[in-house]
Protein backbone atom coordinates (compact mmCIF):
# COMPACT_ATOMS: atom_id res chain seq x y z
CA MET A 1 3.42 -60.41 -71.86
CA MET A 2 4.75 -57.74 -69.76
CA GLU A 3 2.81 -56.02 -67.20
CA GLN A 4 2.48 -52.28 -67.57
CA ASP A 5 2.07 -51.07 -64.20
CA PRO A 6 3.31 -47.34 -64.28
CA LEU A 7 3.30 -47.14 -60.59
CA SER A 8 6.01 -49.83 -60.22
CA GLN A 9 8.37 -47.81 -62.26
CA LEU A 10 8.15 -44.63 -59.98
CA ARG A 11 11.17 -43.98 -57.58
CA ASP A 12 10.62 -42.81 -54.16
CA ILE A 13 10.93 -38.94 -53.43
CA HIS A 14 14.59 -37.70 -53.19
CA LEU A 15 15.99 -34.48 -52.52
CA PRO A 16 18.53 -32.74 -54.61
CA ASP A 17 22.07 -32.85 -53.53
CA PRO A 18 22.91 -29.99 -51.20
CA GLY A 19 24.85 -27.05 -52.92
CA GLY A 20 28.52 -26.29 -52.08
CA PHE A 21 29.62 -23.45 -50.11
CA TRP A 22 31.27 -22.08 -53.28
CA PRO A 23 30.59 -19.99 -55.02
CA PRO A 24 28.55 -17.95 -52.29
CA ALA A 25 25.28 -16.12 -53.32
CA PRO A 26 25.57 -12.53 -54.48
CA GLY A 27 24.52 -11.15 -51.11
CA TRP A 28 27.46 -12.61 -49.43
CA TRP A 29 29.64 -11.04 -51.95
CA ALA A 30 27.80 -7.62 -51.39
CA LEU A 31 28.39 -8.10 -47.59
CA LEU A 32 32.29 -8.96 -48.06
CA ILE A 33 32.75 -5.59 -50.17
CA LEU A 34 30.82 -3.60 -47.53
CA THR A 35 32.89 -5.07 -44.78
CA ILE A 36 36.16 -4.46 -46.61
CA VAL A 37 35.19 -0.75 -47.51
CA LEU A 38 34.13 -0.35 -43.80
CA LEU A 39 37.38 -1.82 -42.44
CA ALA A 40 39.29 0.32 -44.94
CA PHE A 41 37.61 3.57 -43.86
CA VAL A 42 38.02 2.82 -40.07
CA SER A 43 41.80 2.08 -40.58
CA TRP A 44 42.40 5.33 -42.62
CA TRP A 45 40.24 7.43 -39.80
CA LEU A 46 42.35 5.77 -36.95
CA ILE A 47 45.62 6.39 -38.70
CA ARG A 48 44.56 10.07 -39.45
CA GLN A 49 43.50 10.54 -35.94
CA ARG A 50 46.89 9.22 -34.65
CA ARG A 51 48.71 11.26 -37.14
CA ARG A 52 46.98 14.42 -36.14
CA ASN A 53 47.35 14.00 -32.34
CA ARG A 54 51.03 12.83 -32.51
CA TRP A 55 52.02 16.23 -31.19
CA LEU A 56 49.87 15.76 -28.04
CA VAL A 57 51.53 12.56 -27.30
CA GLN A 58 54.92 14.17 -27.52
CA ALA A 59 53.90 17.22 -25.56
CA LEU A 60 52.50 15.22 -22.89
CA SER A 61 55.89 13.17 -22.72
CA GLU A 62 57.80 16.60 -22.63
CA ILE A 63 55.43 17.51 -19.63
CA ASP A 64 56.22 14.42 -17.75
CA GLN A 65 59.97 15.20 -18.09
CA LEU A 66 59.34 18.72 -16.83
CA ALA A 67 57.71 17.64 -13.99
CA MET A 68 60.37 15.27 -13.03
CA SER A 69 62.97 18.05 -13.38
CA PRO A 70 64.40 19.20 -9.78
CA ASP A 71 65.21 22.71 -11.20
CA ARG A 72 62.11 24.87 -11.10
CA ASP A 73 63.91 28.23 -11.98
CA SER A 74 62.79 30.65 -14.66
CA ASP A 75 64.58 28.57 -17.37
CA TRP A 76 61.96 25.88 -16.41
CA PHE A 77 59.01 27.83 -16.76
CA ARG A 78 60.54 29.25 -20.05
CA ARG A 79 60.68 25.69 -21.21
CA LEU A 80 57.07 24.99 -20.13
CA ASN A 81 56.05 28.31 -22.09
CA GLN A 82 57.87 27.09 -25.12
CA LEU A 83 56.38 23.66 -24.81
CA LEU A 84 52.80 25.40 -24.87
CA LYS A 85 53.55 27.57 -27.66
CA ARG A 86 54.83 24.71 -29.72
CA SER A 87 51.67 22.75 -28.92
CA ALA A 88 49.47 25.79 -29.82
CA ARG A 89 51.23 26.27 -32.97
CA CYS A 90 50.41 22.63 -33.97
CA ARG A 91 46.78 22.85 -33.00
CA TYR A 92 46.11 26.45 -34.17
CA PRO A 93 48.35 27.05 -36.94
CA GLN A 94 46.12 29.83 -38.58
CA ARG A 95 46.25 31.93 -35.33
CA PHE A 96 49.93 32.15 -35.20
CA PRO A 97 50.13 31.73 -31.29
CA GLU A 98 54.02 31.59 -31.16
CA SER A 99 53.96 35.33 -31.92
CA LEU A 100 51.78 35.92 -28.80
CA SER A 101 53.27 37.28 -25.35
CA GLY A 102 52.08 38.42 -22.12
CA ASP A 103 48.43 39.15 -21.68
CA ALA A 104 47.56 38.15 -25.41
CA TRP A 105 49.23 34.72 -24.79
CA ILE A 106 47.19 34.40 -21.47
CA ASP A 107 44.00 35.20 -23.34
CA PHE A 108 44.77 32.69 -25.98
CA LEU A 109 45.40 29.99 -23.50
CA LEU A 110 42.14 30.86 -21.60
CA GLU A 111 40.04 31.04 -24.93
CA THR A 112 41.36 27.79 -26.19
CA GLY A 113 41.49 25.91 -23.01
CA PRO A 114 38.89 23.76 -21.32
CA GLY A 115 36.00 25.73 -19.86
CA ASP A 116 37.22 25.52 -16.21
CA THR A 117 40.46 27.20 -17.11
CA ILE A 118 38.77 30.75 -16.12
CA ALA A 119 39.40 30.37 -12.57
CA SER A 120 43.29 29.64 -13.31
CA ARG A 121 43.95 33.19 -14.79
CA PRO A 122 46.12 34.09 -11.87
CA THR A 123 48.19 30.92 -12.33
CA LEU A 124 48.59 31.40 -15.99
CA GLU A 125 49.64 34.96 -15.18
CA ALA A 126 52.22 33.98 -12.71
CA MET A 127 53.25 31.16 -15.01
CA VAL A 128 53.94 33.52 -17.99
CA ALA A 129 55.55 35.98 -15.75
CA SER A 130 58.00 33.38 -13.96
CA SER A 131 59.44 32.90 -17.49
CA TRP A 132 61.42 36.08 -17.34
CA HIS A 133 61.58 36.85 -13.64
CA PRO A 134 64.63 36.01 -11.88
CA ALA A 135 62.57 34.22 -8.87
CA PRO A 136 59.53 32.39 -10.15
CA GLY A 137 56.21 33.54 -8.47
CA CYS A 138 54.31 30.52 -9.77
CA ASP A 139 53.93 27.11 -8.05
CA ALA A 140 55.60 24.74 -10.51
CA ASP A 141 53.07 21.89 -9.72
CA GLN A 142 50.03 24.21 -10.41
CA ALA A 143 51.78 25.20 -13.63
CA ILE A 144 52.35 21.50 -14.67
CA ALA A 145 48.62 20.62 -13.93
CA LEU A 146 47.35 23.65 -15.91
CA ALA A 147 49.52 22.66 -18.93
CA ARG A 148 48.46 19.15 -18.78
CA LEU A 149 44.76 20.32 -18.47
CA TRP A 150 45.13 22.63 -21.36
CA LEU A 151 46.93 19.88 -23.62
CA ARG A 152 44.10 17.32 -23.03
CA GLY A 153 41.56 19.61 -24.00
CA GLN A 154 43.43 19.95 -27.42
CA LYS A 155 42.63 16.93 -29.18
CA CYS A 156 41.79 17.31 -32.91
């Protein structure tokens, strides 16, 4: 005769096998998709900003070349003025700054420059006038500093 003890047939408590790491839960998929979209957007934005401000990097490089130039005659001031006009055309194409001259050009530079350029109106006037006068009446170092200040205030 067989003993019918049901308790002897029970096994000890055991945990199920742990699940593998693959496939991940749906929440991880959503997080992965969100991360990819966010990285794509940030990359697109950074590339766009670099392209929009490429003219600024080139202009600052040209300013550095002008600053190292030993000849500071009226031709030098003309090149500085042309550089500022090219930069203004890149930054403000709808306002046609390349067609401005004299007081209109000075007013444009003061209007679009950083707030502290109002005090430098005499320097701007001397810089613009030095473009066509045989003897420049402006300090070239002040003109370079003012041009750099104006350019750095132009980021898109």
